[in-house]
Amino acid sequence: DTKEYNNALEETAKVLEDGGLIGVPTDTIYGIACLASISNAVKNI
């Protein structure tokens, strides 16, 4: 519920919407993610 957390979310979402790749935590290990709708980003993974 902090501003810093929500700002981080918004910035991360923008990177994804722009076709970027991110390193992101999950409940098991760290992952690499992109938007599944952006074909070039999928290829880059």
PDB file of all heavy atoms in Angstrom:
ATOM      1  N   ASP A   1       0.816  -1.223   0.000  1.00  0.00           N
ATOM      2  CA  ASP A   1       0.000   0.000   0.000  1.00  0.00           C
ATOM      3  C   ASP A   1       0.846   1.268   0.000  1.00  0.00           C
ATOM      4  O   ASP A   1       0.333   2.365   0.213  1.00  0.00           O
ATOM      5  CB  ASP A   1      -0.955   0.009   1.198  1.00  0.00           C
ATOM      6  CG  ASP A   1      -0.232  -0.080   2.537  1.00  0.00           C
ATOM      7  OD1 ASP A   1       1.015  -0.183   2.546  1.00  0.00           O
ATOM      8  OD2 ASP A   1      -0.913  -0.068   3.577  1.00  0.00           O
ATOM      9  N   THR A   2       2.150   1.138  -0.282  1.00  0.00           N
ATOM     10  CA  THR A   2       3.012   2.321  -0.292  1.00  0.00           C
ATOM     11  C   THR A   2       3.126   2.896  -1.703  1.00  0.00           C
ATOM     12  O   THR A   2       2.960   2.196  -2.710  1.00  0.00           O
ATOM     13  CB  THR A   2       4.425   1.985   0.209  1.00  0.00           C
ATOM     14  OG1 THR A   2       5.011   1.011  -0.667  1.00  0.00           O
ATOM     15  CG2 THR A   2       4.376   1.451   1.631  1.00  0.00           C
ATOM     16  N   LYS A   3       3.434   4.183  -1.763  1.00  0.00           N
ATOM     17  CA  LYS A   3       3.627   4.858  -3.044  1.00  0.00           C
ATOM     18  C   LYS A   3       4.798   4.254  -3.803  1.00  0.00           C
ATOM     19  O   LYS A   3       4.744   4.079  -5.033  1.00  0.00           O
ATOM     20  CB  LYS A   3       3.863   6.353  -2.807  1.00  0.00           C
ATOM     21  CG  LYS A   3       4.058   7.152  -4.087  1.00  0.00           C
ATOM     22  CD  LYS A   3       4.247   8.634  -3.774  1.00  0.00           C
ATOM     23  CE  LYS A   3       4.447   9.434  -5.063  1.00  0.00           C
ATOM     24  NZ  LYS A   3       4.655  10.875  -4.774  1.00  0.00           N
ATOM     25  N   GLU A   4       5.876   3.906  -3.081  1.00  0.00           N
ATOM     26  CA  GLU A   4       7.064   3.359  -3.722  1.00  0.00           C
ATOM     27  C   GLU A   4       6.748   2.030  -4.419  1.00  0.00           C
ATOM     28  O   GLU A   4       7.198   1.780  -5.540  1.00  0.00           O
ATOM     29  CB  GLU A   4       8.173   3.147  -2.683  1.00  0.00           C
ATOM     30  CG  GLU A   4       8.769   4.416  -2.123  1.00  0.00           C
ATOM     31  CD  GLU A   4       7.922   5.019  -0.995  1.00  0.00           C
ATOM     32  OE1 GLU A   4       6.876   4.421  -0.621  1.00  0.00           O
ATOM     33  OE2 GLU A   4       8.303   6.084  -0.494  1.00  0.00           O
ATOM     34  N   TYR A   5       5.968   1.190  -3.753  1.00  0.00           N
ATOM     35  CA  TYR A   5       5.599  -0.104  -4.324  1.00  0.00           C
ATOM     36  C   TYR A   5       4.771   0.089  -5.590  1.00  0.00           C
ATOM     37  O   TYR A   5       5.032  -0.532  -6.632  1.00  0.00           O
ATOM     38  CB  TYR A   5       4.823  -0.909  -3.286  1.00  0.00           C
ATOM     39  CG  TYR A   5       4.394  -2.293  -3.743  1.00  0.00           C
ATOM     40  CD1 TYR A   5       5.219  -3.400  -3.543  1.00  0.00           C
ATOM     41  CD2 TYR A   5       3.158  -2.495  -4.359  1.00  0.00           C
ATOM     42  CE1 TYR A   5       4.821  -4.664  -3.951  1.00  0.00           C
ATOM     43  CE2 TYR A   5       2.762  -3.756  -4.764  1.00  0.00           C
ATOM     44  CZ  TYR A   5       3.597  -4.838  -4.556  1.00  0.00           C
ATOM     45  OH  TYR A   5       3.191  -6.093  -4.967  1.00  0.00           O
ATOM     46  N   ASN A   6       3.785   0.939  -5.524  1.00  0.00           N
ATOM     47  CA  ASN A   6       2.915   1.154  -6.676  1.00  0.00           C
ATOM     48  C   ASN A   6       3.634   1.859  -7.822  1.00  0.00           C
ATOM     49  O   ASN A   6       3.364   1.574  -8.998  1.00  0.00           O
ATOM     50  CB  ASN A   6       1.667   1.920  -6.252  1.00  0.00           C
ATOM     51  CG  ASN A   6       0.708   1.052  -5.460  1.00  0.00           C
ATOM     52  OD1 ASN A   6       0.078   0.159  -5.998  1.00  0.00           O
ATOM     53  ND2 ASN A   6       0.603   1.310  -4.158  1.00  0.00           N
ATOM     54  N   ASN A   7       4.568   2.747  -7.490  1.00  0.00           N
ATOM     55  CA  ASN A   7       5.377   3.364  -8.539  1.00  0.00           C
ATOM     56  C   ASN A   7       6.232   2.321  -9.254  1.00  0.00           C
ATOM     57  O   ASN A   7       6.401   2.358 -10.477  1.00  0.00           O
ATOM     58  CB  ASN A   7       6.276   4.448  -7.955  1.00  0.00           C
ATOM     59  CG  ASN A   7       5.515   5.714  -7.603  1.00  0.00           C
ATOM     60  OD1 ASN A   7       4.379   5.898  -8.032  1.00  0.00           O
ATOM     61  ND2 ASN A   7       6.140   6.583  -6.831  1.00  0.00           N
ATOM     62  N   ALA A   8       6.779   1.375  -8.469  1.00  0.00           N
ATOM     63  CA  ALA A   8       7.574   0.300  -9.051  1.00  0.00           C
ATOM     64  C   ALA A   8       6.727  -0.557  -9.989  1.00  0.00           C
ATOM     65  O   ALA A   8       7.164  -0.920 -11.092  1.00  0.00           O
ATOM     66  CB  ALA A   8       8.182  -0.563  -7.951  1.00  0.00           C
ATOM     67  N   LEU A   9       5.514  -0.863  -9.579  1.00  0.00           N
ATOM     68  CA  LEU A   9       4.614  -1.639 -10.426  1.00  0.00           C
ATOM     69  C   LEU A   9       4.323  -0.918 -11.741  1.00  0.00           C
ATOM     70  O   LEU A   9       4.377  -1.516 -12.820  1.00  0.00           O
ATOM     71  CB  LEU A   9       3.292  -1.895  -9.700  1.00  0.00           C
ATOM     72  CG  LEU A   9       3.184  -3.091  -8.778  1.00  0.00           C
ATOM     73  CD1 LEU A   9       1.796  -3.133  -8.153  1.00  0.00           C
ATOM     74  CD2 LEU A   9       3.469  -4.393  -9.511  1.00  0.00           C
ATOM     75  N   GLU A  10       4.012   0.357 -11.636  1.00  0.00           N
ATOM     76  CA  GLU A  10       3.678   1.126 -12.839  1.00  0.00           C
ATOM     77  C   GLU A  10       4.868   1.205 -13.790  1.00  0.00           C
ATOM     78  O   GLU A  10       4.703   1.090 -15.018  1.00  0.00           O
ATOM     79  CB  GLU A  10       3.212   2.529 -12.440  1.00  0.00           C
ATOM     80  CG  GLU A  10       1.861   2.541 -11.735  1.00  0.00           C
ATOM     81  CD  GLU A  10       1.469   3.929 -11.254  1.00  0.00           C
ATOM     82  OE1 GLU A  10       2.202   4.889 -11.556  1.00  0.00           O
ATOM     83  OE2 GLU A  10       0.444   4.036 -10.567  1.00  0.00           O
ATOM     84  N   GLU A  11       6.067   1.396 -13.248  1.00  0.00           N
ATOM     85  CA  GLU A  11       7.245   1.477 -14.095  1.00  0.00           C
ATOM     86  C   GLU A  11       7.526   0.132 -14.766  1.00  0.00           C
ATOM     87  O   GLU A  11       7.868   0.070 -15.951  1.00  0.00           O
ATOM     88  CB  GLU A  11       8.459   1.913 -13.277  1.00  0.00           C
ATOM     89  CG  GLU A  11       9.708   2.100 -14.114  1.00  0.00           C
ATOM     90  CD  GLU A  11      10.816   2.805 -13.360  1.00  0.00           C
ATOM     91  OE1 GLU A  11      10.574   3.305 -12.246  1.00  0.00           O
ATOM     92  OE2 GLU A  11      11.940   2.850 -13.914  1.00  0.00           O
ATOM     93  N   THR A  12       7.355  -0.951 -14.006  1.00  0.00           N
ATOM     94  CA  THR A  12       7.572  -2.280 -14.564  1.00  0.00           C
ATOM     95  C   THR A  12       6.575  -2.579 -15.674  1.00  0.00           C
ATOM     96  O   THR A  12       6.937  -3.104 -16.735  1.00  0.00           O
ATOM     97  CB  THR A  12       7.455  -3.345 -13.462  1.00  0.00           C
ATOM     98  OG1 THR A  12       8.298  -3.007 -12.367  1.00  0.00           O
ATOM     99  CG2 THR A  12       7.867  -4.711 -13.995  1.00  0.00           C
ATOM    100  N   ALA A  13       5.312  -2.236 -15.446  1.00  0.00           N
ATOM    101  CA  ALA A  13       4.282  -2.467 -16.457  1.00  0.00           C
ATOM    102  C   ALA A  13       4.578  -1.687 -17.732  1.00  0.00           C
ATOM    103  O   ALA A  13       4.380  -2.193 -18.847  1.00  0.00           O
ATOM    104  CB  ALA A  13       2.910  -2.094 -15.905  1.00  0.00           C
ATOM    105  N   LYS A  14       5.078  -0.469 -17.588  1.00  0.00           N
ATOM    106  CA  LYS A  14       5.391   0.343 -18.771  1.00  0.00           C
ATOM    107  C   LYS A  14       6.510  -0.292 -19.590  1.00  0.00           C
ATOM    108  O   LYS A  14       6.458  -0.307 -20.828  1.00  0.00           O
ATOM    109  CB  LYS A  14       5.783   1.760 -18.362  1.00  0.00           C
ATOM    110  CG  LYS A  14       5.994   2.690 -19.567  1.00  0.00           C
ATOM    111  CD  LYS A  14       6.338   4.096 -19.155  1.00  0.00           C
ATOM    112  CE  LYS A  14       6.375   5.022 -20.373  1.00  0.00           C
ATOM    113  NZ  LYS A  14       7.233   4.507 -21.477  1.00  0.00           N
ATOM    114  N   VAL A  15       7.528  -0.812 -18.904  1.00  0.00           N
ATOM    115  CA  VAL A  15       8.610  -1.491 -19.606  1.00  0.00           C
ATOM    116  C   VAL A  15       8.067  -2.671 -20.409  1.00  0.00           C
ATOM    117  O   VAL A  15       8.428  -2.884 -21.571  1.00  0.00           O
ATOM    118  CB  VAL A  15       9.688  -1.958 -18.604  1.00  0.00           C
ATOM    119  CG1 VAL A  15      10.686  -2.904 -19.278  1.00  0.00           C
ATOM    120  CG2 VAL A  15      10.426  -0.761 -18.013  1.00  0.00           C
ATOM    121  N   LEU A  16       7.164  -3.433 -19.793  1.00  0.00           N
ATOM    122  CA  LEU A  16       6.579  -4.584 -20.487  1.00  0.00           C
ATOM    123  C   LEU A  16       5.730  -4.146 -21.670  1.00  0.00           C
ATOM    124  O   LEU A  16       5.810  -4.728 -22.763  1.00  0.00           O
ATOM    125  CB  LEU A  16       5.740  -5.407 -19.510  1.00  0.00           C
ATOM    126  CG  LEU A  16       6.521  -6.156 -18.427  1.00  0.00           C
ATOM    127  CD1 LEU A  16       5.571  -6.717 -17.382  1.00  0.00           C
ATOM    128  CD2 LEU A  16       7.355  -7.272 -19.036  1.00  0.00           C
ATOM    129  N   GLU A  17       4.908  -3.115 -21.465  1.00  0.00           N
ATOM    130  CA  GLU A  17       4.037  -2.628 -22.544  1.00  0.00           C
ATOM    131  C   GLU A  17       4.849  -2.086 -23.714  1.00  0.00           C
ATOM    132  O   GLU A  17       4.400  -2.110 -24.865  1.00  0.00           O
ATOM    133  CB  GLU A  17       3.098  -1.536 -22.005  1.00  0.00           C
ATOM    134  CG  GLU A  17       2.146  -1.990 -20.903  1.00  0.00           C
ATOM    135  CD  GLU A  17       0.966  -2.795 -21.411  1.00  0.00           C
ATOM    136  OE1 GLU A  17       0.810  -2.925 -22.641  1.00  0.00           O
ATOM    137  OE2 GLU A  17       0.191  -3.309 -20.579  1.00  0.00           O
ATOM    138  N   ASP A  18       6.068  -1.625 -23.433  1.00  0.00           N
ATOM    139  CA  ASP A  18       6.949  -1.114 -24.482  1.00  0.00           C
ATOM    140  C   ASP A  18       7.749  -2.222 -25.158  1.00  0.00           C
ATOM    141  O   ASP A  18       8.621  -1.951 -25.988  1.00  0.00           O
ATOM    142  CB  ASP A  18       7.910  -0.072 -23.908  1.00  0.00           C
ATOM    143  CG  ASP A  18       7.209   1.240 -23.567  1.00  0.00           C
ATOM    144  OD1 ASP A  18       6.083   1.460 -24.064  1.00  0.00           O
ATOM    145  OD2 ASP A  18       7.785   2.031 -22.800  1.00  0.00           O
ATOM    146  N   GLY A  19       7.488  -3.467 -24.784  1.00  0.00           N
ATOM    147  CA  GLY A  19       8.174  -4.596 -25.411  1.00  0.00           C
ATOM    148  C   GLY A  19       9.447  -5.016 -24.725  1.00  0.00           C
ATOM    149  O   GLY A  19      10.235  -5.782 -25.310  1.00  0.00           O
ATOM    150  N   GLY A  20       9.663  -4.561 -23.495  1.00  0.00           N
ATOM    151  CA  GLY A  20      10.890  -4.887 -22.785  1.00  0.00           C
ATOM    152  C   GLY A  20      10.861  -6.236 -22.095  1.00  0.00           C
ATOM    153  O   GLY A  20       9.820  -6.879 -21.970  1.00  0.00           O
ATOM    154  N   LEU A  21      12.050  -6.648 -21.630  1.00  0.00           N
ATOM    155  CA  LEU A  21      12.216  -7.876 -20.857  1.00  0.00           C
ATOM    156  C   LEU A  21      12.616  -7.502 -19.443  1.00  0.00           C
ATOM    157  O   LEU A  21      13.426  -6.599 -19.229  1.00  0.00           O
ATOM    158  CB  LEU A  21      13.313  -8.760 -21.464  1.00  0.00           C
ATOM    159  CG  LEU A  21      13.212  -9.138 -22.939  1.00  0.00           C
ATOM    160  CD1 LEU A  21      14.336 -10.102 -23.301  1.00  0.00           C
ATOM    161  CD2 LEU A  21      11.863  -9.732 -23.273  1.00  0.00           C
ATOM    162  N   ILE A  22      12.069  -8.212 -18.478  1.00  0.00           N
ATOM    163  CA  ILE A  22      12.367  -7.918 -17.079  1.00  0.00           C
ATOM    164  C   ILE A  22      12.784  -9.179 -16.336  1.00  0.00           C
ATOM    165  O   ILE A  22      12.390 -10.287 -16.688  1.00  0.00           O
ATOM    166  CB  ILE A  22      11.148  -7.291 -16.358  1.00  0.00           C
ATOM    167  CG1 ILE A  22       9.986  -8.279 -16.296  1.00  0.00           C
ATOM    168  CG2 ILE A  22      10.728  -5.998 -17.032  1.00  0.00           C
ATOM    169  CD1 ILE A  22       8.857  -7.841 -15.378  1.00  0.00           C
ATOM    170  N   GLY A  23      13.592  -8.990 -15.290  1.00  0.00           N
ATOM    171  CA  GLY A  23      13.847 -10.034 -14.317  1.00  0.00           C
ATOM    172  C   GLY A  23      12.910  -9.820 -13.150  1.00  0.00           C
ATOM    173  O   GLY A  23      12.826  -8.717 -12.611  1.00  0.00           O
ATOM    174  N   VAL A  24      12.179 -10.858 -12.763  1.00  0.00           N
ATOM    175  CA  VAL A  24      11.098 -10.677 -11.812  1.00  0.00           C
ATOM    176  C   VAL A  24      11.049 -11.832 -10.812  1.00  0.00           C
ATOM    177  O   VAL A  24      11.326 -12.984 -11.165  1.00  0.00           O
ATOM    178  CB  VAL A  24       9.741 -10.544 -12.564  1.00  0.00           C
ATOM    179  CG1 VAL A  24       9.384 -11.840 -13.269  1.00  0.00           C
ATOM    180  CG2 VAL A  24       8.622 -10.094 -11.646  1.00  0.00           C
ATOM    181  N   PRO A  25      10.728 -11.548  -9.543  1.00  0.00           N
ATOM    182  CA  PRO A  25      10.641 -12.620  -8.545  1.00  0.00           C
ATOM    183  C   PRO A  25       9.339 -13.404  -8.658  1.00  0.00           C
ATOM    184  O   PRO A  25       8.304 -12.868  -9.055  1.00  0.00           O
ATOM    185  CB  PRO A  25      10.693 -11.849  -7.218  1.00  0.00           C
ATOM    186  CG  PRO A  25      10.079 -10.514  -7.539  1.00  0.00           C
ATOM    187  CD  PRO A  25      10.509 -10.210  -8.945  1.00  0.00           C
ATOM    188  N   THR A  26       9.414 -14.684  -8.319  1.00  0.00           N
ATOM    189  CA  THR A  26       8.213 -15.506  -8.174  1.00  0.00           C
ATOM    190  C   THR A  26       8.286 -16.222  -6.827  1.00  0.00           C
ATOM    191  O   THR A  26       9.191 -15.966  -6.033  1.00  0.00           O
ATOM    192  CB  THR A  26       8.081 -16.549  -9.312  1.00  0.00           C
ATOM    193  OG1 THR A  26       8.982 -17.634  -9.079  1.00  0.00           O
ATOM    194  CG2 THR A  26       8.364 -15.922 -10.674  1.00  0.00           C
ATOM    195  N   ASP A  27       7.356 -17.123  -6.602  1.00  0.00           N
ATOM    196  CA  ASP A  27       7.339 -17.857  -5.336  1.00  0.00           C
ATOM    197  C   ASP A  27       8.355 -18.987  -5.294  1.00  0.00           C
ATOM    198  O   ASP A  27       8.567 -19.594  -4.241  1.00  0.00           O
ATOM    199  CB  ASP A  27       5.941 -18.416  -5.047  1.00  0.00           C
ATOM    200  CG  ASP A  27       5.367 -19.188  -6.230  1.00  0.00           C
ATOM    201  OD1 ASP A  27       5.996 -19.224  -7.295  1.00  0.00           O
ATOM    202  OD2 ASP A  27       4.251 -19.736  -6.082  1.00  0.00           O
ATOM    203  N   THR A  28       9.010 -19.289  -6.414  1.00  0.00           N
ATOM    204  CA  THR A  28       9.979 -20.383  -6.452  1.00  0.00           C
ATOM    205  C   THR A  28      11.382 -19.889  -6.776  1.00  0.00           C
ATOM    206  O   THR A  28      12.313 -20.084  -6.001  1.00  0.00           O
ATOM    207  CB  THR A  28       9.552 -21.434  -7.496  1.00  0.00           C
ATOM    208  OG1 THR A  28       9.356 -20.795  -8.768  1.00  0.00           O
ATOM    209  CG2 THR A  28       8.254 -22.128  -7.070  1.00  0.00           C
ATOM    210  N   ILE A  29      11.532 -19.263  -7.936  1.00  0.00           N
ATOM    211  CA  ILE A  29      12.817 -18.756  -8.413  1.00  0.00           C
ATOM    212  C   ILE A  29      12.569 -17.441  -9.143  1.00  0.00           C
ATOM    213  O   ILE A  29      11.429 -17.037  -9.338  1.00  0.00           O
ATOM    214  CB  ILE A  29      13.497 -19.767  -9.369  1.00  0.00           C
ATOM    215  CG1 ILE A  29      12.560 -20.090 -10.541  1.00  0.00           C
ATOM    216  CG2 ILE A  29      13.906 -21.031  -8.626  1.00  0.00           C
ATOM    217  CD1 ILE A  29      13.133 -21.056 -11.568  1.00  0.00           C
ATOM    218  N   TYR A  30      13.653 -16.769  -9.530  1.00  0.00           N
ATOM    219  CA  TYR A  30      13.500 -15.572 -10.361  1.00  0.00           C
ATOM    220  C   TYR A  30      13.214 -15.982 -11.802  1.00  0.00           C
ATOM    221  O   TYR A  30      13.682 -17.018 -12.286  1.00  0.00           O
ATOM    222  CB  TYR A  30      14.755 -14.704 -10.306  1.00  0.00           C
ATOM    223  CG  TYR A  30      14.749 -13.743  -9.140  1.00  0.00           C
ATOM    224  CD1 TYR A  30      15.191 -14.150  -7.891  1.00  0.00           C
ATOM    225  CD2 TYR A  30      14.270 -12.444  -9.280  1.00  0.00           C
ATOM    226  CE1 TYR A  30      15.174 -13.278  -6.800  1.00  0.00           C
ATOM    227  CE2 TYR A  30      14.249 -11.564  -8.207  1.00  0.00           C
ATOM    228  CZ  TYR A  30      14.695 -11.982  -6.965  1.00  0.00           C
ATOM    229  OH  TYR A  30      14.654 -11.123  -5.891  1.00  0.00           O
ATOM    230  N   GLY A  31      12.411 -15.145 -12.475  1.00  0.00           N
ATOM    231  CA  GLY A  31      12.064 -15.416 -13.853  1.00  0.00           C
ATOM    232  C   GLY A  31      12.401 -14.256 -14.763  1.00  0.00           C
ATOM    233  O   GLY A  31      12.710 -13.148 -14.316  1.00  0.00           O
ATOM    234  N   ILE A  32      12.344 -14.518 -16.050  1.00  0.00           N
ATOM    235  CA  ILE A  32      12.393 -13.489 -17.080  1.00  0.00           C
ATOM    236  C   ILE A  32      11.016 -13.430 -17.715  1.00  0.00           C
ATOM    237  O   ILE A  32      10.431 -14.462 -18.044  1.00  0.00           O
ATOM    238  CB  ILE A  32      13.451 -13.802 -18.146  1.00  0.00           C
ATOM    239  CG1 ILE A  32      14.845 -13.809 -17.516  1.00  0.00           C
ATOM    240  CG2 ILE A  32      13.397 -12.787 -19.284  1.00  0.00           C
ATOM    241  CD1 ILE A  32      15.922 -14.315 -18.436  1.00  0.00           C
ATOM    242  N   ALA A  33      10.500 -12.221 -17.867  1.00  0.00           N
ATOM    243  CA  ALA A  33       9.133 -12.074 -18.359  1.00  0.00           C
ATOM    244  C   ALA A  33       9.048 -10.998 -19.427  1.00  0.00           C
ATOM    245  O   ALA A  33       9.850 -10.065 -19.471  1.00  0.00           O
ATOM    246  CB  ALA A  33       8.187 -11.735 -17.205  1.00  0.00           C
ATOM    247  N   CYS A  34       8.039 -11.152 -20.272  1.00  0.00           N
ATOM    248  CA  CYS A  34       7.653 -10.129 -21.231  1.00  0.00           C
ATOM    249  C   CYS A  34       6.152 -10.258 -21.436  1.00  0.00           C
ATOM    250  O   CYS A  34       5.530 -11.198 -20.919  1.00  0.00           O
ATOM    251  CB  CYS A  34       8.387 -10.284 -22.561  1.00  0.00           C
ATOM    252  SG  CYS A  34       7.872 -11.714 -23.543  1.00  0.00           S
ATOM    253  N   LEU A  35       5.546  -9.338 -22.163  1.00  0.00           N
ATOM    254  CA  LEU A  35       4.146  -9.505 -22.508  1.00  0.00           C
ATOM    255  C   LEU A  35       4.027 -10.580 -23.586  1.00  0.00           C
ATOM    256  O   LEU A  35       4.697 -10.518 -24.615  1.00  0.00           O
ATOM    257  CB  LEU A  35       3.545  -8.196 -23.030  1.00  0.00           C
ATOM    258  CG  LEU A  35       3.098  -7.162 -21.999  1.00  0.00           C
ATOM    259  CD1 LEU A  35       2.215  -6.116 -22.671  1.00  0.00           C
ATOM    260  CD2 LEU A  35       2.358  -7.783 -20.829  1.00  0.00           C
ATOM    261  N   ALA A  36       3.155 -11.537 -23.344  1.00  0.00           N
ATOM    262  CA  ALA A  36       3.004 -12.651 -24.279  1.00  0.00           C
ATOM    263  C   ALA A  36       2.407 -12.211 -25.607  1.00  0.00           C
ATOM    264  O   ALA A  36       2.494 -12.940 -26.589  1.00  0.00           O
ATOM    265  CB  ALA A  36       2.138 -13.740 -23.653  1.00  0.00           C
ATOM    266  N   SER A  37       1.817 -11.041 -25.643  1.00  0.00           N
ATOM    267  CA  SER A  37       1.209 -10.531 -26.879  1.00  0.00           C
ATOM    268  C   SER A  37       2.212  -9.893 -27.824  1.00  0.00           C
ATOM    269  O   SER A  37       1.892  -9.647 -28.991  1.00  0.00           O
ATOM    270  CB  SER A  37       0.130  -9.493 -26.532  1.00  0.00           C
ATOM    271  OG  SER A  37       0.691  -8.437 -25.772  1.00  0.00           O
ATOM    272  N   ILE A  38       3.424  -9.605 -27.342  1.00  0.00           N
ATOM    273  CA  ILE A  38       4.422  -8.906 -28.168  1.00  0.00           C
ATOM    274  C   ILE A  38       5.398  -9.936 -28.723  1.00  0.00           C
ATOM    275  O   ILE A  38       6.299 -10.414 -28.033  1.00  0.00           O
ATOM    276  CB  ILE A  38       5.138  -7.821 -27.346  1.00  0.00           C
ATOM    277  CG1 ILE A  38       4.120  -6.818 -26.801  1.00  0.00           C
ATOM    278  CG2 ILE A  38       6.187  -7.111 -28.201  1.00  0.00           C
ATOM    279  CD1 ILE A  38       4.720  -5.721 -25.952  1.00  0.00           C
ATOM    280  N   SER A  39       5.211 -10.292 -29.983  1.00  0.00           N
ATOM    281  CA  SER A  39       5.956 -11.391 -30.592  1.00  0.00           C
ATOM    282  C   SER A  39       7.460 -11.160 -30.572  1.00  0.00           C
ATOM    283  O   SER A  39       8.237 -12.095 -30.334  1.00  0.00           O
ATOM    284  CB  SER A  39       5.471 -11.614 -32.022  1.00  0.00           C
ATOM    285  OG  SER A  39       4.096 -11.956 -32.037  1.00  0.00           O
ATOM    286  N   ASN A  40       7.903  -9.937 -30.812  1.00  0.00           N
ATOM    287  CA  ASN A  40       9.335  -9.666 -30.832  1.00  0.00           C
ATOM    288  C   ASN A  40       9.949  -9.837 -29.452  1.00  0.00           C
ATOM    289  O   ASN A  40      11.086 -10.316 -29.323  1.00  0.00           O
ATOM    290  CB  ASN A  40       9.600  -8.255 -31.352  1.00  0.00           C
ATOM    291  CG  ASN A  40      11.065  -8.036 -31.683  1.00  0.00           C
ATOM    292  OD1 ASN A  40      11.637  -8.760 -32.494  1.00  0.00           O
ATOM    293  ND2 ASN A  40      11.695  -7.061 -31.038  1.00  0.00           N
ATOM    294  N   ALA A  41       9.200  -9.471 -28.409  1.00  0.00           N
ATOM    295  CA  ALA A  41       9.696  -9.650 -27.040  1.00  0.00           C
ATOM    296  C   ALA A  41       9.831 -11.134 -26.712  1.00  0.00           C
ATOM    297  O   ALA A  41      10.797 -11.559 -26.066  1.00  0.00           O
ATOM    298  CB  ALA A  41       8.760  -8.960 -26.048  1.00  0.00           C
ATOM    299  N   VAL A  42       8.863 -11.928 -27.141  1.00  0.00           N
ATOM    300  CA  VAL A  42       8.932 -13.382 -26.938  1.00  0.00           C
ATOM    301  C   VAL A  42      10.176 -13.943 -27.625  1.00  0.00           C
ATOM    302  O   VAL A  42      10.925 -14.741 -27.049  1.00  0.00           O
ATOM    303  CB  VAL A  42       7.658 -14.064 -27.474  1.00  0.00           C
ATOM    304  CG1 VAL A  42       7.814 -15.578 -27.468  1.00  0.00           C
ATOM    305  CG2 VAL A  42       6.446 -13.655 -26.642  1.00  0.00           C
ATOM    306  N   LYS A  43      10.417 -13.521 -28.846  1.00  0.00           N
ATOM    307  CA  LYS A  43      11.606 -13.962 -29.586  1.00  0.00           C
ATOM    308  C   LYS A  43      12.878 -13.575 -28.844  1.00  0.00           C
ATOM    309  O   LYS A  43      13.837 -14.364 -28.761  1.00  0.00           O
ATOM    310  CB  LYS A  43      11.599 -13.339 -30.982  1.00  0.00           C
ATOM    311  CG  LYS A  43      12.823 -13.670 -31.816  1.00  0.00           C
ATOM    312  CD  LYS A  43      12.792 -12.933 -33.154  1.00  0.00           C
ATOM    313  CE  LYS A  43      14.063 -13.189 -33.956  1.00  0.00           C
ATOM    314  NZ  LYS A  43      14.081 -12.437 -35.235  1.00  0.00           N
ATOM    315  N   ASN A  44      12.893 -12.376 -28.265  1.00  0.00           N
ATOM    316  CA  ASN A  44      14.083 -11.913 -27.556  1.00  0.00           C
ATOM    317  C   ASN A  44      14.387 -12.755 -26.321  1.00  0.00           C
ATOM    318  O   ASN A  44      15.559 -12.922 -25.952  1.00  0.00           O
ATOM    319  CB  ASN A  44      13.917 -10.449 -27.161  1.00  0.00           C
ATOM    320  CG  ASN A  44      14.087  -9.509 -28.337  1.00  0.00           C
ATOM    321  OD1 ASN A  44      14.620  -9.886 -29.373  1.00  0.00           O
ATOM    322  ND2 ASN A  44      13.604  -8.283 -28.187  1.00  0.00           N
ATOM    323  N   ILE A  45      13.344 -13.271 -25.658  1.00  0.00           N
ATOM    324  CA  ILE A  45      13.590 -14.148 -24.507  1.00  0.00           C
ATOM    325  C   ILE A  45      14.364 -15.384 -24.943  1.00  0.00           C
ATOM    326  O   ILE A  45      15.325 -15.808 -24.283  1.00  0.00           O
ATOM    327  CB  ILE A  45      12.261 -14.544 -23.825  1.00  0.00           C
ATOM    328  CG1 ILE A  45      11.736 -13.393 -22.963  1.00  0.00           C
ATOM    329  CG2 ILE A  45      12.458 -15.789 -22.956  1.00  0.00           C
ATOM    330  CD1 ILE A  45      10.507 -13.735 -22.148  1.00  0.00           C
TER     331      ILE A  45
END
